Amino acid sequence: MSVDQKENEVILHITDHHSWEDPKSDHPFILQDKINSYLSYIESGEIYENNPEYKGKSIVIKVIGKYPLSEFGEKFYEKATSIVQWAGFDLRFEHKP
């Protein structure tokens, strides 16, 4: 986790070393499990129990991917982002080879 004081955000990081080229791989399920784990951590209030100074800050789940998104990956993130936003948080992807 990190805090962006300027943006008043708490950022929970996920590193993703899997390619988006094979839409039949387990990659989306693995990533979905990680995102869901973070959502549970946030929604349960555990994040604030462990870090009370995070109260009042926006929460972002940021995935740092080794590989760029394919069309399939973009569709995955569109759906995942809408779910995370519906929960009141933000999901971002950053490609860093």
N, C-alpha and C. Protein backbone atom coordinates (compact mmCIF):
# COMPACT_ATOMS: atom_id res chain seq x y z
N MET A 1 0.84 -1.17 0.00
CA MET A 1 0.00 0.00 0.00
C MET A 1 0.89 1.23 0.00
N SER A 2 0.35 2.27 -0.57
CA SER A 2 1.03 3.56 -0.53
C SER A 2 -0.05 4.64 -0.41
N VAL A 3 0.39 5.83 -0.06
CA VAL A 3 -0.52 6.96 0.07
C VAL A 3 -0.03 8.07 -0.83
N ASP A 4 -0.94 8.58 -1.64
CA ASP A 4 -0.66 9.76 -2.46
C ASP A 4 -1.30 10.94 -1.73
N GLN A 5 -0.47 11.67 -1.00
CA GLN A 5 -0.96 12.78 -0.19
C GLN A 5 -1.59 13.87 -1.06
N LYS A 6 -0.98 14.11 -2.21
CA LYS A 6 -1.47 15.16 -3.10
C LYS A 6 -2.91 14.88 -3.55
N GLU A 7 -3.18 13.63 -3.90
CA GLU A 7 -4.51 13.24 -4.39
C GLU A 7 -5.42 12.74 -3.26
N ASN A 8 -4.87 12.63 -2.04
CA ASN A 8 -5.61 12.13 -0.88
C ASN A 8 -6.14 10.71 -1.14
N GLU A 9 -5.26 9.85 -1.67
CA GLU A 9 -5.62 8.49 -2.04
C GLU A 9 -4.75 7.46 -1.32
N VAL A 10 -5.38 6.36 -0.97
CA VAL A 10 -4.66 5.17 -0.53
C VAL A 10 -4.65 4.24 -1.72
N ILE A 11 -3.48 3.75 -2.08
CA ILE A 11 -3.34 2.89 -3.26
C ILE A 11 -2.91 1.50 -2.83
N LEU A 12 -3.73 0.52 -3.16
CA LEU A 12 -3.39 -0.87 -2.91
C LEU A 12 -2.88 -1.44 -4.23
N HIS A 13 -1.67 -1.97 -4.22
CA HIS A 13 -1.00 -2.41 -5.44
C HIS A 13 -1.15 -3.91 -5.66
N ILE A 14 -1.34 -4.26 -6.92
CA ILE A 14 -1.31 -5.65 -7.37
C ILE A 14 -0.32 -5.71 -8.53
N THR A 15 0.64 -6.61 -8.46
CA THR A 15 1.52 -6.81 -9.61
C THR A 15 0.99 -7.99 -10.42
N ASP A 16 1.00 -7.81 -11.72
CA ASP A 16 0.45 -8.81 -12.64
C ASP A 16 1.49 -9.15 -13.68
N HIS A 17 1.98 -10.39 -13.63
CA HIS A 17 3.04 -10.82 -14.54
C HIS A 17 2.53 -11.71 -15.67
N HIS A 18 1.22 -11.77 -15.85
CA HIS A 18 0.64 -12.66 -16.86
C HIS A 18 0.25 -11.88 -18.12
N SER A 19 0.40 -12.55 -19.25
CA SER A 19 0.04 -11.97 -20.54
C SER A 19 -1.47 -12.03 -20.75
N TRP A 20 -1.99 -11.11 -21.56
CA TRP A 20 -3.40 -11.08 -21.90
C TRP A 20 -3.67 -11.71 -23.27
N GLU A 21 -2.69 -12.36 -23.85
CA GLU A 21 -2.84 -12.89 -25.21
C GLU A 21 -3.75 -14.11 -25.30
N ASP A 22 -3.82 -14.94 -24.26
CA ASP A 22 -4.64 -16.15 -24.32
C ASP A 22 -5.92 -15.96 -23.51
N PRO A 23 -7.05 -15.69 -24.18
CA PRO A 23 -8.30 -15.45 -23.45
C PRO A 23 -8.82 -16.69 -22.71
N LYS A 24 -8.22 -17.87 -22.97
CA LYS A 24 -8.65 -19.09 -22.29
C LYS A 24 -7.80 -19.42 -21.07
N SER A 25 -6.85 -18.56 -20.75
CA SER A 25 -5.99 -18.82 -19.59
C SER A 25 -6.73 -18.53 -18.29
N ASP A 26 -6.11 -18.90 -17.18
CA ASP A 26 -6.67 -18.64 -15.85
C ASP A 26 -6.40 -17.21 -15.38
N HIS A 27 -5.68 -16.45 -16.17
CA HIS A 27 -5.27 -15.11 -15.79
C HIS A 27 -6.41 -14.24 -15.26
N PRO A 28 -7.53 -14.11 -15.97
CA PRO A 28 -8.59 -13.24 -15.45
C PRO A 28 -9.15 -13.71 -14.11
N PHE A 29 -9.19 -15.03 -13.90
CA PHE A 29 -9.72 -15.56 -12.64
C PHE A 29 -8.76 -15.29 -11.49
N ILE A 30 -7.47 -15.42 -11.75
CA ILE A 30 -6.45 -15.13 -10.74
C ILE A 30 -6.52 -13.66 -10.35
N LEU A 31 -6.60 -12.80 -11.34
CA LEU A 31 -6.66 -11.37 -11.08
C LEU A 31 -7.97 -10.99 -10.38
N GLN A 32 -9.05 -11.59 -10.79
CA GLN A 32 -10.35 -11.34 -10.15
C GLN A 32 -10.29 -11.72 -8.68
N ASP A 33 -9.66 -12.84 -8.35
CA ASP A 33 -9.53 -13.25 -6.95
C ASP A 33 -8.73 -12.23 -6.14
N LYS A 34 -7.66 -11.70 -6.72
CA LYS A 34 -6.85 -10.71 -6.03
C LYS A 34 -7.65 -9.43 -5.79
N ILE A 35 -8.36 -8.98 -6.81
CA ILE A 35 -9.18 -7.76 -6.67
C ILE A 35 -10.27 -7.99 -5.61
N ASN A 36 -10.91 -9.14 -5.65
CA ASN A 36 -11.96 -9.45 -4.67
C ASN A 36 -11.39 -9.50 -3.24
N SER A 37 -10.19 -10.01 -3.10
CA SER A 37 -9.55 -10.04 -1.77
C SER A 37 -9.34 -8.63 -1.25
N TYR A 38 -8.89 -7.74 -2.13
CA TYR A 38 -8.71 -6.34 -1.72
C TYR A 38 -10.04 -5.69 -1.38
N LEU A 39 -11.07 -5.96 -2.18
CA LEU A 39 -12.38 -5.41 -1.88
C LEU A 39 -12.89 -5.89 -0.52
N SER A 40 -12.67 -7.15 -0.22
CA SER A 40 -13.08 -7.68 1.09
C SER A 40 -12.32 -7.01 2.21
N TYR A 41 -11.04 -6.80 2.02
CA TYR A 41 -10.19 -6.13 3.01
C TYR A 41 -10.70 -4.71 3.28
N ILE A 42 -11.10 -4.03 2.22
CA ILE A 42 -11.58 -2.65 2.35
C ILE A 42 -12.98 -2.64 2.97
N GLU A 43 -13.89 -3.41 2.37
CA GLU A 43 -15.29 -3.36 2.79
C GLU A 43 -15.51 -3.90 4.20
N SER A 44 -14.65 -4.79 4.66
CA SER A 44 -14.78 -5.32 6.02
C SER A 44 -14.37 -4.28 7.07
N GLY A 45 -13.67 -3.24 6.62
CA GLY A 45 -13.18 -2.23 7.54
C GLY A 45 -11.81 -2.54 8.10
N GLU A 46 -11.27 -3.70 7.74
CA GLU A 46 -9.96 -4.11 8.25
C GLU A 46 -8.86 -3.11 7.86
N ILE A 47 -8.98 -2.53 6.68
CA ILE A 47 -7.99 -1.55 6.24
C ILE A 47 -7.92 -0.39 7.23
N TYR A 48 -9.08 0.01 7.78
CA TYR A 48 -9.12 1.14 8.71
C TYR A 48 -8.73 0.72 10.13
N GLU A 49 -8.99 -0.54 10.46
CA GLU A 49 -8.54 -1.04 11.76
C GLU A 49 -7.02 -1.05 11.82
N ASN A 50 -6.40 -1.47 10.72
CA ASN A 50 -4.94 -1.53 10.65
C ASN A 50 -4.30 -0.17 10.40
N ASN A 51 -5.04 0.72 9.75
CA ASN A 51 -4.51 2.03 9.35
C ASN A 51 -5.58 3.10 9.54
N PRO A 52 -5.87 3.49 10.76
CA PRO A 52 -6.95 4.46 10.98
C PRO A 52 -6.72 5.79 10.27
N GLU A 53 -5.47 6.10 9.95
CA GLU A 53 -5.17 7.36 9.25
C GLU A 53 -5.68 7.36 7.81
N TYR A 54 -6.14 6.22 7.30
CA TYR A 54 -6.66 6.14 5.94
C TYR A 54 -8.12 6.59 5.84
N LYS A 55 -8.78 6.73 6.96
CA LYS A 55 -10.19 7.16 6.94
C LYS A 55 -10.29 8.52 6.27
N GLY A 56 -11.27 8.66 5.38
CA GLY A 56 -11.48 9.92 4.68
C GLY A 56 -10.71 10.04 3.38
N LYS A 57 -9.85 9.07 3.08
CA LYS A 57 -9.10 9.10 1.83
C LYS A 57 -9.80 8.20 0.79
N SER A 58 -9.65 8.55 -0.47
CA SER A 58 -10.16 7.71 -1.55
C SER A 58 -9.29 6.46 -1.62
N ILE A 59 -9.90 5.36 -2.03
CA ILE A 59 -9.14 4.11 -2.13
C ILE A 59 -9.09 3.68 -3.58
N VAL A 60 -7.88 3.33 -4.01
CA VAL A 60 -7.63 2.91 -5.38
C VAL A 60 -6.94 1.54 -5.35
N ILE A 61 -7.43 0.63 -6.16
CA ILE A 61 -6.72 -0.63 -6.41
C ILE A 61 -6.00 -0.43 -7.73
N LYS A 62 -4.69 -0.52 -7.69
CA LYS A 62 -3.89 -0.27 -8.88
C LYS A 62 -3.16 -1.55 -9.28
N VAL A 63 -3.42 -1.99 -10.50
CA VAL A 63 -2.76 -3.18 -11.04
C VAL A 63 -1.62 -2.71 -11.94
N ILE A 64 -0.44 -3.20 -11.64
CA ILE A 64 0.74 -2.88 -12.44
C ILE A 64 1.05 -4.13 -13.25
N GLY A 65 0.81 -4.03 -14.57
CA GLY A 65 0.95 -5.18 -15.45
C GLY A 65 2.24 -5.19 -16.23
N LYS A 66 2.84 -6.35 -16.30
CA LYS A 66 4.07 -6.52 -17.09
C LYS A 66 3.77 -6.45 -18.58
N TYR A 67 2.56 -6.87 -18.96
CA TYR A 67 2.18 -6.92 -20.37
C TYR A 67 1.05 -5.94 -20.65
N PRO A 68 1.04 -5.38 -21.86
CA PRO A 68 -0.06 -4.46 -22.21
C PRO A 68 -1.37 -5.23 -22.33
N LEU A 69 -2.46 -4.51 -22.26
CA LEU A 69 -3.77 -5.14 -22.37
C LEU A 69 -4.09 -5.47 -23.82
N SER A 70 -4.63 -6.64 -24.02
CA SER A 70 -5.18 -7.01 -25.32
C SER A 70 -6.63 -6.51 -25.33
N GLU A 71 -7.32 -6.76 -26.41
CA GLU A 71 -8.74 -6.40 -26.47
C GLU A 71 -9.51 -7.11 -25.36
N PHE A 72 -9.18 -8.37 -25.14
CA PHE A 72 -9.80 -9.16 -24.08
C PHE A 72 -9.49 -8.53 -22.71
N GLY A 73 -8.25 -8.12 -22.50
CA GLY A 73 -7.86 -7.49 -21.25
C GLY A 73 -8.59 -6.19 -21.01
N GLU A 74 -8.76 -5.41 -22.06
CA GLU A 74 -9.50 -4.15 -21.94
C GLU A 74 -10.95 -4.40 -21.53
N LYS A 75 -11.56 -5.43 -22.10
CA LYS A 75 -12.94 -5.77 -21.73
C LYS A 75 -13.02 -6.22 -20.27
N PHE A 76 -12.02 -7.01 -19.85
CA PHE A 76 -11.98 -7.44 -18.46
C PHE A 76 -11.94 -6.22 -17.53
N TYR A 77 -11.06 -5.26 -17.84
CA TYR A 77 -10.92 -4.09 -16.99
C TYR A 77 -12.14 -3.18 -17.03
N GLU A 78 -12.82 -3.12 -18.14
CA GLU A 78 -14.06 -2.33 -18.20
C GLU A 78 -15.07 -2.88 -17.19
N LYS A 79 -15.24 -4.20 -17.20
CA LYS A 79 -16.19 -4.83 -16.29
C LYS A 79 -15.73 -4.73 -14.84
N ALA A 80 -14.45 -5.04 -14.61
CA ALA A 80 -13.92 -5.00 -13.25
C ALA A 80 -13.98 -3.58 -12.68
N THR A 81 -13.66 -2.59 -13.50
CA THR A 81 -13.69 -1.20 -13.04
C THR A 81 -15.10 -0.80 -12.64
N SER A 82 -16.09 -1.19 -13.43
CA SER A 82 -17.46 -0.81 -13.08
C SER A 82 -17.88 -1.45 -11.76
N ILE A 83 -17.46 -2.67 -11.51
CA ILE A 83 -17.80 -3.34 -10.24
C ILE A 83 -17.11 -2.66 -9.07
N VAL A 84 -15.83 -2.36 -9.22
CA VAL A 84 -15.08 -1.70 -8.15
C VAL A 84 -15.64 -0.31 -7.89
N GLN A 85 -15.99 0.40 -8.95
CA GLN A 85 -16.57 1.74 -8.77
C GLN A 85 -17.94 1.66 -8.12
N TRP A 86 -18.72 0.66 -8.45
CA TRP A 86 -20.02 0.46 -7.83
C TRP A 86 -19.86 0.29 -6.32
N ALA A 87 -18.75 -0.35 -5.91
CA ALA A 87 -18.46 -0.54 -4.48
C ALA A 87 -17.95 0.74 -3.83
N GLY A 88 -17.65 1.75 -4.65
CA GLY A 88 -17.23 3.04 -4.10
C GLY A 88 -15.74 3.31 -4.15
N PHE A 89 -15.02 2.53 -4.94
CA PHE A 89 -13.57 2.66 -5.02
C PHE A 89 -13.16 2.80 -6.48
N ASP A 90 -11.87 2.81 -6.73
CA ASP A 90 -11.39 2.98 -8.11
C ASP A 90 -10.42 1.85 -8.43
N LEU A 91 -10.40 1.46 -9.69
CA LEU A 91 -9.47 0.44 -10.20
C LEU A 91 -8.71 1.06 -11.36
N ARG A 92 -7.40 0.93 -11.33
CA ARG A 92 -6.56 1.47 -12.40
C ARG A 92 -5.56 0.42 -12.84
N PHE A 93 -5.23 0.46 -14.13
CA PHE A 93 -4.21 -0.40 -14.70
C PHE A 93 -3.07 0.45 -15.22
N GLU A 94 -1.85 0.00 -14.93
CA GLU A 94 -0.67 0.67 -15.45
C GLU A 94 0.27 -0.39 -16.03
N HIS A 95 0.66 -0.19 -17.27
CA HIS A 95 1.58 -1.12 -17.93
C HIS A 95 3.01 -0.68 -17.64
N LYS A 96 3.78 -1.57 -17.00
CA LYS A 96 5.19 -1.31 -16.72
C LYS A 96 5.97 -2.58 -17.06
N PRO A 97 6.54 -2.62 -18.25
CA PRO A 97 7.28 -3.83 -18.66
C PRO A 97 8.48 -4.13 -17.77
